[in-house]
Amino acid sequence: MTRRGGRLAAESSSGAVTGSPSSDGGGARAVILQAAVQLLRERGFVATRTRDVTALAGLSTGLLNHYFTWQALRAAALQQVLAEGLDELLPEAAATHPDPRLILDTLVEAAFAESADPLWRLWIEAIEAAPTDSAIVQAISDASSGFANRLTACLSRGVELGVWRCPDPAGSAFRLMALHDGLVGMLLTGMPGITRAVAVTHMRTSFSLECPLSS
């Protein structure tokens, strides 16, 4: 994505601008959504406002409202940011990787890396807003379910290959995700005694209890 004249525009391989506000409605809609996605990544859920999106997209508030309600736009942008962020942590192909231990080791390290902090701040802010916004609830639910399914598949893969024992991969995935969310919350709020290394250690210990290595 590039910026031209204060607005977002996607460029084709030939350099021509496509999906700009002056093109068809689908193009304007895509520009608005991409602006919202970028701002959620950069500023988070709470700090992103309608005027920020229209300024970045180079469009009027009226045109934004023609294509989206603010609630629907935030939810669509949130869903895209969460899906892309979680896919970086645990790609779909991980479920068939020949070394599930490597996949889980990499995931635990990446989940508490500083580079992941913006994603988790956005996640926490969205959860706090969810009780008053059903569209946000759905976006969070979709992202959480998708990640849980992938983690469950990875745990099941380890069982199939005889790497570890795990009688209830789905239940283990749920508990590991819950522990992660709690540790991330403590880490981001600066709770004394919780460092990235401590959080990683807690996750590894919990994983070893949920899925002990096969003898």
N, C-alpha and C. Protein backbone atom coordinates (compact mmCIF):
# COMPACT_ATOMS: atom_id res chain seq x y z
N MET A 1 0.84 -1.19 0.00
CA MET A 1 0.00 0.00 0.00
C MET A 1 0.88 1.24 0.00
N THR A 2 0.47 2.29 -0.73
CA THR A 2 1.23 3.52 -0.77
C THR A 2 0.32 4.69 -0.44
N ARG A 3 0.94 5.81 -0.12
CA ARG A 3 0.18 7.03 0.16
C ARG A 3 0.32 7.97 -1.01
N ARG A 4 -0.76 8.56 -1.50
CA ARG A 4 -0.70 9.57 -2.55
C ARG A 4 -1.65 10.69 -2.19
N GLY A 5 -1.08 11.90 -2.07
CA GLY A 5 -1.94 13.03 -1.79
C GLY A 5 -2.71 12.88 -0.50
N GLY A 6 -2.10 12.22 0.50
CA GLY A 6 -2.76 12.08 1.79
C GLY A 6 -3.76 10.95 1.84
N ARG A 7 -3.87 10.17 0.80
CA ARG A 7 -4.83 9.08 0.81
C ARG A 7 -4.15 7.76 0.50
N LEU A 8 -4.80 6.70 0.89
CA LEU A 8 -4.28 5.37 0.59
C LEU A 8 -4.70 4.96 -0.81
N ALA A 9 -3.81 4.29 -1.51
CA ALA A 9 -4.17 3.73 -2.81
C ALA A 9 -3.35 2.50 -3.06
N ALA A 10 -3.96 1.47 -3.62
CA ALA A 10 -3.23 0.25 -3.97
C ALA A 10 -2.72 0.40 -5.39
N GLU A 11 -1.48 -0.04 -5.63
CA GLU A 11 -0.91 0.07 -6.96
C GLU A 11 -0.84 -1.31 -7.62
N SER A 12 -1.15 -1.33 -8.89
CA SER A 12 -0.97 -2.56 -9.66
C SER A 12 0.49 -2.70 -10.01
N SER A 13 0.87 -3.85 -10.58
CA SER A 13 2.25 -4.09 -10.95
C SER A 13 2.73 -3.10 -12.02
N SER A 14 1.80 -2.52 -12.77
CA SER A 14 2.18 -1.57 -13.81
C SER A 14 2.32 -0.17 -13.27
N GLY A 15 2.00 0.04 -11.99
CA GLY A 15 2.12 1.35 -11.38
C GLY A 15 0.83 2.14 -11.39
N ALA A 16 -0.20 1.63 -12.05
CA ALA A 16 -1.48 2.33 -12.07
C ALA A 16 -2.18 2.19 -10.74
N VAL A 17 -2.87 3.25 -10.35
CA VAL A 17 -3.60 3.21 -9.10
C VAL A 17 -4.91 2.46 -9.28
N THR A 18 -5.16 1.48 -8.40
CA THR A 18 -6.41 0.72 -8.43
C THR A 18 -7.07 0.81 -7.08
N GLY A 19 -8.37 0.70 -7.06
CA GLY A 19 -9.09 0.73 -5.79
C GLY A 19 -9.03 2.09 -5.13
N SER A 20 -8.81 3.17 -5.88
CA SER A 20 -8.78 4.51 -5.30
C SER A 20 -10.19 5.00 -5.11
N PRO A 21 -10.40 6.05 -4.29
CA PRO A 21 -11.74 6.55 -4.05
C PRO A 21 -12.46 7.01 -5.30
N SER A 22 -11.72 7.36 -6.36
CA SER A 22 -12.37 7.84 -7.57
C SER A 22 -12.84 6.71 -8.46
N SER A 23 -12.50 5.47 -8.11
CA SER A 23 -12.93 4.34 -8.93
C SER A 23 -14.28 3.86 -8.47
N ASP A 24 -14.60 2.61 -8.75
CA ASP A 24 -15.93 2.12 -8.42
C ASP A 24 -16.12 2.00 -6.91
N GLY A 25 -17.37 1.72 -6.50
CA GLY A 25 -17.68 1.64 -5.08
C GLY A 25 -16.87 0.60 -4.34
N GLY A 26 -16.60 -0.53 -5.02
CA GLY A 26 -15.81 -1.56 -4.36
C GLY A 26 -14.41 -1.07 -4.04
N GLY A 27 -13.85 -0.23 -4.92
CA GLY A 27 -12.53 0.32 -4.66
C GLY A 27 -12.53 1.24 -3.47
N ALA A 28 -13.52 2.12 -3.38
CA ALA A 28 -13.61 3.03 -2.25
C ALA A 28 -13.81 2.26 -0.95
N ARG A 29 -14.62 1.26 -1.00
CA ARG A 29 -14.86 0.43 0.19
C ARG A 29 -13.56 -0.22 0.67
N ALA A 30 -12.77 -0.73 -0.28
CA ALA A 30 -11.51 -1.38 0.08
C ALA A 30 -10.52 -0.39 0.67
N VAL A 31 -10.48 0.83 0.13
CA VAL A 31 -9.58 1.86 0.65
C VAL A 31 -9.96 2.22 2.09
N ILE A 32 -11.24 2.35 2.34
CA ILE A 32 -11.70 2.66 3.70
C ILE A 32 -11.32 1.55 4.67
N LEU A 33 -11.56 0.32 4.26
CA LEU A 33 -11.25 -0.82 5.14
C LEU A 33 -9.75 -0.89 5.40
N GLN A 34 -8.93 -0.69 4.36
CA GLN A 34 -7.48 -0.77 4.54
C GLN A 34 -6.97 0.34 5.46
N ALA A 35 -7.58 1.51 5.36
CA ALA A 35 -7.19 2.60 6.26
C ALA A 35 -7.50 2.24 7.70
N ALA A 36 -8.67 1.66 7.93
CA ALA A 36 -9.05 1.25 9.28
C ALA A 36 -8.12 0.16 9.81
N VAL A 37 -7.76 -0.78 8.95
CA VAL A 37 -6.84 -1.85 9.34
C VAL A 37 -5.49 -1.26 9.76
N GLN A 38 -4.97 -0.35 8.95
CA GLN A 38 -3.67 0.25 9.25
C GLN A 38 -3.69 1.00 10.57
N LEU A 39 -4.75 1.74 10.81
CA LEU A 39 -4.84 2.53 12.04
C LEU A 39 -5.01 1.64 13.28
N LEU A 40 -5.76 0.58 13.16
CA LEU A 40 -5.89 -0.34 14.29
C LEU A 40 -4.53 -0.93 14.64
N ARG A 41 -3.75 -1.28 13.63
CA ARG A 41 -2.41 -1.81 13.89
C ARG A 41 -1.52 -0.78 14.57
N GLU A 42 -1.59 0.46 14.11
CA GLU A 42 -0.68 1.50 14.58
C GLU A 42 -1.12 2.12 15.91
N ARG A 43 -2.43 2.33 16.09
CA ARG A 43 -2.91 3.09 17.24
C ARG A 43 -3.70 2.27 18.24
N GLY A 44 -4.18 1.11 17.81
CA GLY A 44 -5.01 0.32 18.69
C GLY A 44 -6.49 0.61 18.51
N PHE A 45 -7.28 -0.08 19.27
CA PHE A 45 -8.74 -0.03 19.12
C PHE A 45 -9.33 1.28 19.66
N VAL A 46 -8.91 1.66 20.84
CA VAL A 46 -9.51 2.82 21.51
C VAL A 46 -9.14 4.13 20.83
N ALA A 47 -7.92 4.26 20.37
CA ALA A 47 -7.44 5.53 19.84
C ALA A 47 -7.84 5.79 18.39
N THR A 48 -8.39 4.80 17.70
CA THR A 48 -8.78 4.98 16.30
C THR A 48 -10.18 5.55 16.23
N ARG A 49 -10.33 6.65 15.49
CA ARG A 49 -11.61 7.34 15.36
C ARG A 49 -12.00 7.45 13.88
N THR A 50 -13.27 7.76 13.66
CA THR A 50 -13.78 7.90 12.29
C THR A 50 -12.97 8.91 11.50
N ARG A 51 -12.69 10.07 12.10
CA ARG A 51 -11.96 11.11 11.39
C ARG A 51 -10.55 10.68 11.01
N ASP A 52 -9.96 9.80 11.81
CA ASP A 52 -8.62 9.28 11.47
C ASP A 52 -8.69 8.43 10.20
N VAL A 53 -9.72 7.62 10.11
CA VAL A 53 -9.88 6.75 8.94
C VAL A 53 -10.13 7.58 7.69
N THR A 54 -11.03 8.54 7.77
CA THR A 54 -11.35 9.35 6.59
C THR A 54 -10.14 10.19 6.16
N ALA A 55 -9.37 10.69 7.14
CA ALA A 55 -8.18 11.49 6.80
C ALA A 55 -7.15 10.63 6.09
N LEU A 56 -6.92 9.42 6.59
CA LEU A 56 -5.93 8.54 5.97
C LEU A 56 -6.39 8.07 4.60
N ALA A 57 -7.68 7.80 4.46
CA ALA A 57 -8.22 7.32 3.18
C ALA A 57 -8.42 8.44 2.17
N GLY A 58 -8.44 9.70 2.65
CA GLY A 58 -8.69 10.81 1.76
C GLY A 58 -10.13 10.89 1.31
N LEU A 59 -11.05 10.49 2.21
CA LEU A 59 -12.47 10.44 1.88
C LEU A 59 -13.28 11.23 2.91
N SER A 60 -14.50 11.53 2.55
CA SER A 60 -15.38 12.25 3.47
C SER A 60 -16.06 11.27 4.42
N THR A 61 -16.50 11.79 5.56
CA THR A 61 -17.25 10.98 6.50
C THR A 61 -18.54 10.47 5.87
N GLY A 62 -19.14 11.28 5.02
CA GLY A 62 -20.36 10.86 4.35
C GLY A 62 -20.16 9.64 3.48
N LEU A 63 -19.03 9.60 2.77
CA LEU A 63 -18.76 8.44 1.92
C LEU A 63 -18.48 7.21 2.77
N LEU A 64 -17.75 7.40 3.87
CA LEU A 64 -17.52 6.26 4.77
C LEU A 64 -18.85 5.70 5.25
N ASN A 65 -19.74 6.60 5.67
CA ASN A 65 -21.04 6.15 6.18
C ASN A 65 -21.91 5.53 5.10
N HIS A 66 -21.61 5.83 3.85
CA HIS A 66 -22.36 5.22 2.75
C HIS A 66 -22.06 3.73 2.65
N TYR A 67 -20.81 3.36 2.95
CA TYR A 67 -20.39 1.97 2.80
C TYR A 67 -20.41 1.19 4.11
N PHE A 68 -20.19 1.86 5.23
CA PHE A 68 -20.09 1.18 6.51
C PHE A 68 -20.78 1.98 7.61
N THR A 69 -21.30 1.27 8.59
CA THR A 69 -21.51 1.90 9.89
C THR A 69 -20.15 1.86 10.59
N TRP A 70 -19.93 2.73 11.57
CA TRP A 70 -18.65 2.72 12.27
C TRP A 70 -18.42 1.39 12.98
N GLN A 71 -19.48 0.84 13.56
CA GLN A 71 -19.35 -0.44 14.25
C GLN A 71 -18.96 -1.55 13.28
N ALA A 72 -19.58 -1.57 12.11
CA ALA A 72 -19.27 -2.61 11.13
C ALA A 72 -17.86 -2.47 10.59
N LEU A 73 -17.41 -1.24 10.37
CA LEU A 73 -16.06 -1.01 9.86
C LEU A 73 -15.02 -1.44 10.88
N ARG A 74 -15.20 -1.05 12.13
CA ARG A 74 -14.25 -1.45 13.17
C ARG A 74 -14.17 -2.97 13.29
N ALA A 75 -15.32 -3.61 13.24
CA ALA A 75 -15.35 -5.07 13.37
C ALA A 75 -14.66 -5.75 12.20
N ALA A 76 -14.90 -5.27 10.97
CA ALA A 76 -14.28 -5.86 9.79
C ALA A 76 -12.77 -5.66 9.82
N ALA A 77 -12.34 -4.47 10.21
CA ALA A 77 -10.90 -4.18 10.30
C ALA A 77 -10.26 -5.01 11.40
N LEU A 78 -10.93 -5.11 12.53
CA LEU A 78 -10.41 -5.90 13.64
C LEU A 78 -10.26 -7.36 13.23
N GLN A 79 -11.26 -7.89 12.55
CA GLN A 79 -11.22 -9.29 12.13
C GLN A 79 -10.02 -9.54 11.21
N GLN A 80 -9.74 -8.59 10.32
CA GLN A 80 -8.61 -8.75 9.40
C GLN A 80 -7.28 -8.67 10.14
N VAL A 81 -7.15 -7.71 11.05
CA VAL A 81 -5.89 -7.56 11.80
C VAL A 81 -5.63 -8.79 12.66
N LEU A 82 -6.67 -9.27 13.35
CA LEU A 82 -6.49 -10.45 14.20
C LEU A 82 -6.16 -11.69 13.37
N ALA A 83 -6.84 -11.86 12.26
CA ALA A 83 -6.60 -13.04 11.42
C ALA A 83 -5.17 -13.04 10.90
N GLU A 84 -4.70 -11.88 10.44
CA GLU A 84 -3.34 -11.80 9.90
C GLU A 84 -2.30 -11.97 11.00
N GLY A 85 -2.55 -11.36 12.16
CA GLY A 85 -1.60 -11.46 13.26
C GLY A 85 -1.49 -12.87 13.81
N LEU A 86 -2.63 -13.53 13.99
CA LEU A 86 -2.61 -14.89 14.51
C LEU A 86 -2.06 -15.87 13.48
N ASP A 87 -2.26 -15.56 12.20
CA ASP A 87 -1.71 -16.43 11.15
C ASP A 87 -0.19 -16.37 11.14
N GLU A 88 0.37 -15.21 11.49
CA GLU A 88 1.82 -15.10 11.58
C GLU A 88 2.35 -15.95 12.74
N LEU A 89 1.61 -15.99 13.83
CA LEU A 89 2.04 -16.78 14.98
C LEU A 89 1.90 -18.28 14.74
N LEU A 90 0.81 -18.66 14.11
CA LEU A 90 0.54 -20.09 13.90
C LEU A 90 -0.11 -20.29 12.53
N PRO A 91 0.71 -20.43 11.48
CA PRO A 91 0.17 -20.61 10.13
C PRO A 91 -0.66 -21.89 10.03
N GLU A 92 -1.58 -21.90 9.11
CA GLU A 92 -2.43 -23.07 8.93
C GLU A 92 -1.62 -24.32 8.60
N ALA A 93 -0.50 -24.12 7.88
CA ALA A 93 0.33 -25.26 7.48
C ALA A 93 1.04 -25.90 8.67
N ALA A 94 1.04 -25.23 9.83
CA ALA A 94 1.71 -25.78 11.01
C ALA A 94 1.10 -27.11 11.45
N ALA A 95 -0.18 -27.30 11.14
CA ALA A 95 -0.87 -28.51 11.56
C ALA A 95 -0.33 -29.77 10.90
N THR A 96 0.39 -29.61 9.80
CA THR A 96 0.94 -30.78 9.10
C THR A 96 2.47 -30.77 9.12
N HIS A 97 3.05 -29.91 9.92
CA HIS A 97 4.51 -29.82 9.98
C HIS A 97 5.09 -31.11 10.56
N PRO A 98 6.22 -31.58 10.04
CA PRO A 98 6.78 -32.84 10.55
C PRO A 98 7.37 -32.76 11.95
N ASP A 99 7.56 -31.55 12.48
CA ASP A 99 8.14 -31.39 13.81
C ASP A 99 7.25 -30.49 14.67
N PRO A 100 6.18 -31.05 15.24
CA PRO A 100 5.26 -30.23 16.03
C PRO A 100 5.91 -29.60 17.25
N ARG A 101 6.96 -30.22 17.79
CA ARG A 101 7.66 -29.62 18.93
C ARG A 101 8.28 -28.29 18.53
N LEU A 102 8.88 -28.25 17.37
CA LEU A 102 9.48 -27.01 16.88
C LEU A 102 8.41 -25.94 16.71
N ILE A 103 7.26 -26.32 16.16
CA ILE A 103 6.17 -25.37 15.95
C ILE A 103 5.72 -24.78 17.28
N LEU A 104 5.52 -25.60 18.29
CA LEU A 104 5.04 -25.11 19.58
C LEU A 104 6.11 -24.29 20.29
N ASP A 105 7.37 -24.69 20.19
CA ASP A 105 8.46 -23.91 20.79
C ASP A 105 8.53 -22.51 20.17
N THR A 106 8.42 -22.48 18.86
CA THR A 106 8.46 -21.19 18.15
C THR A 106 7.26 -20.34 18.51
N LEU A 107 6.10 -20.95 18.62
CA LEU A 107 4.88 -20.22 18.98
C LEU A 107 4.99 -19.59 20.36
N VAL A 108 5.47 -20.34 21.32
CA VAL A 108 5.57 -19.82 22.69
C VAL A 108 6.52 -18.62 22.74
N GLU A 109 7.65 -18.71 22.07
CA GLU A 109 8.59 -17.59 22.04
C GLU A 109 7.97 -16.37 21.35
N ALA A 110 7.35 -16.60 20.20
CA ALA A 110 6.79 -15.50 19.42
C ALA A 110 5.61 -14.83 20.14
N ALA A 111 4.84 -15.61 20.88
CA ALA A 111 3.65 -15.08 21.54
C ALA A 111 3.98 -14.06 22.62
N PHE A 112 5.20 -14.13 23.16
CA PHE A 112 5.59 -13.18 24.20
C PHE A 112 6.69 -12.23 23.74
N ALA A 113 6.98 -12.23 22.46
CA ALA A 113 7.98 -11.31 21.93
C ALA A 113 7.43 -9.89 21.92
N GLU A 114 8.32 -8.93 22.03
CA GLU A 114 7.89 -7.53 22.04
C GLU A 114 7.15 -7.16 20.77
N SER A 115 7.52 -7.77 19.66
CA SER A 115 6.87 -7.47 18.38
C SER A 115 5.39 -7.85 18.37
N ALA A 116 4.99 -8.74 19.27
CA ALA A 116 3.59 -9.16 19.34
C ALA A 116 2.75 -8.26 20.25
N ASP A 117 3.37 -7.36 20.98
CA ASP A 117 2.64 -6.52 21.94
C ASP A 117 1.49 -5.74 21.32
N PRO A 118 1.67 -5.08 20.14
CA PRO A 118 0.54 -4.34 19.56
C PRO A 118 -0.67 -5.22 19.29
N LEU A 119 -0.42 -6.45 18.85
CA LEU A 119 -1.54 -7.36 18.59
C LEU A 119 -2.29 -7.67 19.87
N TRP A 120 -1.57 -7.94 20.96
CA TRP A 120 -2.24 -8.30 22.22
C TRP A 120 -2.91 -7.09 22.87
N ARG A 121 -2.33 -5.89 22.71
CA ARG A 121 -3.00 -4.70 23.23
C ARG A 121 -4.33 -4.49 22.51
N LEU A 122 -4.30 -4.68 21.19
CA LEU A 122 -5.52 -4.57 20.40
C LEU A 122 -6.54 -5.61 20.86
N TRP A 123 -6.08 -6.83 21.08
CA TRP A 123 -6.94 -7.92 21.54
C TRP A 123 -7.61 -7.57 22.86
N ILE A 124 -6.82 -7.06 23.81
CA ILE A 124 -7.36 -6.71 25.12
C ILE A 124 -8.36 -5.55 25.03
N GLU A 125 -8.02 -4.53 24.24
CA GLU A 125 -8.92 -3.39 24.08
C GLU A 125 -10.24 -3.83 23.44
N ALA A 126 -10.16 -4.71 22.47
CA ALA A 126 -11.37 -5.19 21.79
C ALA A 126 -12.24 -5.99 22.75
N ILE A 127 -11.62 -6.82 23.58
CA ILE A 127 -12.37 -7.61 24.56
C ILE A 127 -13.09 -6.69 25.53
N GLU A 128 -12.43 -5.61 25.94
CA GLU A 128 -13.05 -4.66 26.87
C GLU A 128 -14.24 -3.95 26.23
N ALA A 129 -14.19 -3.75 24.91
CA ALA A 129 -15.30 -3.08 24.21
C ALA A 129 -16.42 -4.03 23.82
N ALA A 130 -16.14 -5.32 23.85
CA ALA A 130 -17.08 -6.32 23.34
C ALA A 130 -18.45 -6.32 24.02
N PRO A 131 -18.55 -6.12 25.34
CA PRO A 131 -19.87 -6.21 25.97
C PRO A 131 -20.92 -5.26 25.41
N THR A 132 -20.48 -4.18 24.75
CA THR A 132 -21.44 -3.22 24.19
C THR A 132 -21.46 -3.23 22.66
N ASP A 133 -20.82 -4.22 22.05
CA ASP A 133 -20.73 -4.23 20.58
C ASP A 133 -20.74 -5.67 20.09
N SER A 134 -21.88 -6.13 19.60
CA SER A 134 -22.02 -7.53 19.18
C SER A 134 -21.14 -7.85 17.98
N ALA A 135 -20.87 -6.87 17.12
CA ALA A 135 -20.01 -7.12 15.96
C ALA A 135 -18.58 -7.42 16.40
N ILE A 136 -18.13 -6.74 17.44
CA ILE A 136 -16.79 -6.99 17.97
C ILE A 136 -16.74 -8.36 18.63
N VAL A 137 -17.81 -8.73 19.32
CA VAL A 137 -17.90 -10.06 19.92
C VAL A 137 -17.71 -11.13 18.84
N GLN A 138 -18.36 -10.95 17.71
CA GLN A 138 -18.26 -11.93 16.63
C GLN A 138 -16.85 -11.99 16.06
N ALA A 139 -16.22 -10.83 15.89
CA ALA A 139 -14.85 -10.79 15.35
C ALA A 139 -13.88 -11.50 16.28
N ILE A 140 -14.03 -11.25 17.57
CA ILE A 140 -13.16 -11.90 18.56
C ILE A 140 -13.41 -13.40 18.58
N SER A 141 -14.68 -13.78 18.54
CA SER A 141 -15.05 -15.19 18.56
C SER A 141 -14.47 -15.93 17.36
N ASP A 142 -14.57 -15.31 16.19
CA ASP A 142 -14.05 -15.95 14.97
C ASP A 142 -12.54 -16.14 15.06
N ALA A 143 -11.84 -15.10 15.52
CA ALA A 143 -10.38 -15.19 15.63
C ALA A 143 -9.97 -16.23 16.66
N SER A 144 -10.64 -16.21 17.80
CA SER A 144 -10.31 -17.15 18.87
C SER A 144 -10.58 -18.59 18.44
N SER A 145 -11.71 -18.82 17.81
CA SER A 145 -12.05 -20.17 17.35
C SER A 145 -11.07 -20.67 16.30
N GLY A 146 -10.71 -19.78 15.38
CA GLY A 146 -9.77 -20.17 14.34
C GLY A 146 -8.41 -20.55 14.91
N PHE A 147 -7.93 -19.76 15.88
CA PHE A 147 -6.63 -20.06 16.48
C PHE A 147 -6.72 -21.34 17.31
N ALA A 148 -7.81 -21.51 18.05
CA ALA A 148 -7.98 -22.71 18.86
C ALA A 148 -7.99 -23.96 17.99
N ASN A 149 -8.64 -23.88 16.84
CA ASN A 149 -8.67 -25.03 15.93
C ASN A 149 -7.27 -25.38 15.42
N ARG A 150 -6.49 -24.36 15.12
CA ARG A 150 -5.13 -24.62 14.64
C ARG A 150 -4.25 -25.20 15.74
N LEU A 151 -4.38 -24.64 16.95
CA LEU A 151 -3.58 -25.16 18.05
C LEU A 151 -3.99 -26.59 18.38
N THR A 152 -5.28 -26.86 18.35
CA THR A 152 -5.77 -28.22 18.58
C THR A 152 -5.20 -29.18 17.55
N ALA A 153 -5.15 -28.75 16.30
CA ALA A 153 -4.61 -29.59 15.23
C ALA A 153 -3.13 -29.88 15.45
N CYS A 154 -2.39 -28.88 15.94
CA CYS A 154 -0.96 -29.08 16.21
C CYS A 154 -0.75 -30.06 17.36
N LEU A 155 -1.56 -29.92 18.40
CA LEU A 155 -1.46 -30.84 19.53
C LEU A 155 -1.82 -32.26 19.09
N SER A 156 -2.84 -32.38 18.28
CA SER A 156 -3.24 -33.69 17.76
C SER A 156 -2.16 -34.29 16.88
N ARG A 157 -1.49 -33.44 16.13
CA ARG A 157 -0.40 -33.90 15.26
C ARG A 157 0.72 -34.51 16.10
N GLY A 158 1.04 -33.88 17.22
CA GLY A 158 2.07 -34.41 18.11
C GLY A 158 1.70 -35.77 18.67
N VAL A 159 0.40 -35.95 18.95
CA VAL A 159 -0.07 -37.25 19.45
C VAL A 159 0.06 -38.30 18.35
N GLU A 160 -0.36 -37.95 17.14
CA GLU A 160 -0.29 -38.90 16.02
C GLU A 160 1.14 -39.35 15.75
N LEU A 161 2.09 -38.44 15.89
CA LEU A 161 3.49 -38.76 15.62
C LEU A 161 4.20 -39.38 16.81
N GLY A 162 3.49 -39.51 17.92
CA GLY A 162 4.08 -40.11 19.10
C GLY A 162 5.05 -39.21 19.85
N VAL A 163 4.93 -37.90 19.63
CA VAL A 163 5.84 -36.94 20.28
C VAL A 163 5.43 -36.72 21.73
N TRP A 164 4.13 -36.57 21.98
CA TRP A 164 3.62 -36.36 23.33
C TRP A 164 2.27 -37.04 23.51
N ARG A 165 1.82 -37.10 24.74
CA ARG A 165 0.50 -37.64 25.06
C ARG A 165 -0.41 -36.46 25.39
N CYS A 166 -1.61 -36.50 24.85
CA CYS A 166 -2.57 -35.42 25.10
C CYS A 166 -3.97 -35.98 24.88
N PRO A 167 -4.63 -36.44 25.93
CA PRO A 167 -5.93 -37.08 25.78
C PRO A 167 -7.05 -36.16 25.29
N ASP A 168 -6.88 -34.86 25.50
CA ASP A 168 -7.93 -33.92 25.11
C ASP A 168 -7.29 -32.69 24.46
N PRO A 169 -6.87 -32.79 23.18
CA PRO A 169 -6.19 -31.67 22.53
C PRO A 169 -7.00 -30.37 22.54
N ALA A 170 -8.31 -30.46 22.32
CA ALA A 170 -9.13 -29.25 22.30
C ALA A 170 -9.17 -28.60 23.68
N GLY A 171 -9.32 -29.40 24.72
CA GLY A 171 -9.33 -28.86 26.07
C GLY A 171 -7.99 -28.27 26.45
N SER A 172 -6.91 -28.93 26.06
CA SER A 172 -5.57 -28.42 26.34
C SER A 172 -5.33 -27.11 25.61
N ALA A 173 -5.78 -27.02 24.36
CA ALA A 173 -5.63 -25.78 23.61
C ALA A 173 -6.36 -24.64 24.30
N PHE A 174 -7.56 -24.90 24.77
CA PHE A 174 -8.35 -23.87 25.46
C PHE A 174 -7.64 -23.38 26.72
N ARG A 175 -7.13 -24.31 27.52
CA ARG A 175 -6.46 -23.92 28.76
C ARG A 175 -5.15 -23.18 28.50
N LEU A 176 -4.41 -23.61 27.49
CA LEU A 176 -3.15 -22.93 27.16
C LEU A 176 -3.42 -21.51 26.65
N MET A 177 -4.47 -21.34 25.87
CA MET A 177 -4.82 -20.01 25.39
C MET A 177 -5.26 -19.11 26.54
N ALA A 178 -6.01 -19.66 27.48
CA ALA A 178 -6.45 -18.88 28.63
C ALA A 178 -5.26 -18.43 29.47
N LEU A 179 -4.31 -19.33 29.67
CA LEU A 179 -3.11 -18.98 30.43
C LEU A 179 -2.33 -17.90 29.70
N HIS A 180 -2.19 -18.05 28.40
CA HIS A 180 -1.47 -17.04 27.62
C HIS A 180 -2.11 -15.67 27.77
N ASP A 181 -3.44 -15.60 27.64
CA ASP A 181 -4.12 -14.31 27.75
C ASP A 181 -3.88 -13.67 29.11
N GLY A 182 -3.91 -14.48 30.15
CA GLY A 182 -3.67 -13.95 31.49
C GLY A 182 -2.25 -13.44 31.65
N LEU A 183 -1.29 -14.20 31.17
CA LEU A 183 0.12 -13.79 31.27
C LEU A 183 0.40 -12.53 30.45
N VAL A 184 -0.18 -12.45 29.27
CA VAL A 184 0.00 -11.26 28.43
C VAL A 184 -0.58 -10.03 29.14
N GLY A 185 -1.75 -10.19 29.73
CA GLY A 185 -2.35 -9.07 30.45
C GLY A 185 -1.45 -8.58 31.58
N MET A 186 -0.88 -9.50 32.33
CA MET A 186 0.02 -9.13 33.42
C MET A 186 1.30 -8.49 32.89
N LEU A 187 1.80 -9.03 31.79
CA LEU A 187 3.02 -8.51 31.20
C LEU A 187 2.84 -7.08 30.68
N LEU A 188 1.75 -6.84 29.99
CA LEU A 188 1.51 -5.53 29.39
C LEU A 188 1.16 -4.46 30.42
N THR A 189 0.65 -4.87 31.56
CA THR A 189 0.34 -3.90 32.61
C THR A 189 1.50 -3.70 33.57
N GLY A 190 2.61 -4.39 33.32
CA GLY A 190 3.79 -4.19 34.13
C GLY A 190 3.72 -4.79 35.52
N MET A 191 2.98 -5.87 35.66
CA MET A 191 2.87 -6.50 36.98
C MET A 191 4.25 -6.95 37.45
N PRO A 192 4.62 -6.61 38.69
CA PRO A 192 5.93 -7.00 39.22
C PRO A 192 6.13 -8.52 39.17
N GLY A 193 7.33 -8.91 38.78
CA GLY A 193 7.68 -10.32 38.77
C GLY A 193 7.36 -11.03 37.47
N ILE A 194 6.63 -10.37 36.56
CA ILE A 194 6.29 -11.00 35.29
C ILE A 194 7.13 -10.37 34.18
N THR A 195 8.07 -11.12 33.68
CA THR A 195 8.88 -10.70 32.54
C THR A 195 8.55 -11.62 31.37
N ARG A 196 9.08 -11.30 30.22
CA ARG A 196 8.84 -12.15 29.06
C ARG A 196 9.41 -13.55 29.29
N ALA A 197 10.58 -13.61 29.90
CA ALA A 197 11.20 -14.92 30.16
C ALA A 197 10.37 -15.72 31.15
N VAL A 198 9.83 -15.05 32.18
CA VAL A 198 8.99 -15.74 33.17
C VAL A 198 7.71 -16.25 32.51
N ALA A 199 7.12 -15.42 31.65
CA ALA A 199 5.89 -15.83 30.96
C ALA A 199 6.14 -17.04 30.09
N VAL A 200 7.24 -17.04 29.36
CA VAL A 200 7.58 -18.18 28.50
C VAL A 200 7.77 -19.44 29.35
N THR A 201 8.43 -19.30 30.49
CA THR A 201 8.64 -20.45 31.38
C THR A 201 7.32 -21.02 31.87
N HIS A 202 6.40 -20.14 32.27
CA HIS A 202 5.08 -20.61 32.73
C HIS A 202 4.36 -21.36 31.61
N MET A 203 4.43 -20.84 30.38
CA MET A 203 3.77 -21.50 29.26
C MET A 203 4.39 -22.86 28.97
N ARG A 204 5.69 -22.94 29.02
CA ARG A 204 6.36 -24.22 28.75
C ARG A 204 6.01 -25.24 29.83
N THR A 205 5.96 -24.79 31.07
CA THR A 205 5.62 -25.70 32.17
C THR A 205 4.19 -26.21 32.01
N SER A 206 3.29 -25.30 31.70
CA SER A 206 1.89 -25.70 31.52
C SER A 206 1.74 -26.66 30.35
N PHE A 207 2.46 -26.39 29.26
CA PHE A 207 2.39 -27.27 28.11
C PHE A 207 2.90 -28.66 28.45
N SER A 208 3.98 -28.74 29.22
CA SER A 208 4.55 -30.05 29.57
C SER A 208 3.59 -30.84 30.46
N LEU A 209 2.77 -30.14 31.23
CA LEU A 209 1.77 -30.82 32.07
C LEU A 209 0.56 -31.26 31.24
N GLU A 210 0.17 -30.42 30.29
CA GLU A 210 -0.96 -30.76 29.43
C GLU A 210 -0.60 -31.87 28.44
N CYS A 211 0.63 -31.81 27.92
CA CYS A 211 1.06 -32.75 26.89
C CYS A 211 2.43 -33.32 27.23
N PRO A 212 2.51 -34.22 28.19
CA PRO A 212 3.82 -34.79 28.55
C PRO A 212 4.42 -35.58 27.38
N LEU A 213 5.73 -35.50 27.27
CA LEU A 213 6.41 -36.21 26.19
C LEU A 213 6.20 -37.71 26.31
N SER A 214 6.08 -38.35 25.17
CA SER A 214 5.92 -39.80 25.17
C SER A 214 7.23 -40.45 25.61
N SER A 215 7.12 -41.53 26.37
CA SER A 215 8.33 -42.22 26.85
C SER A 215 8.92 -43.08 25.74
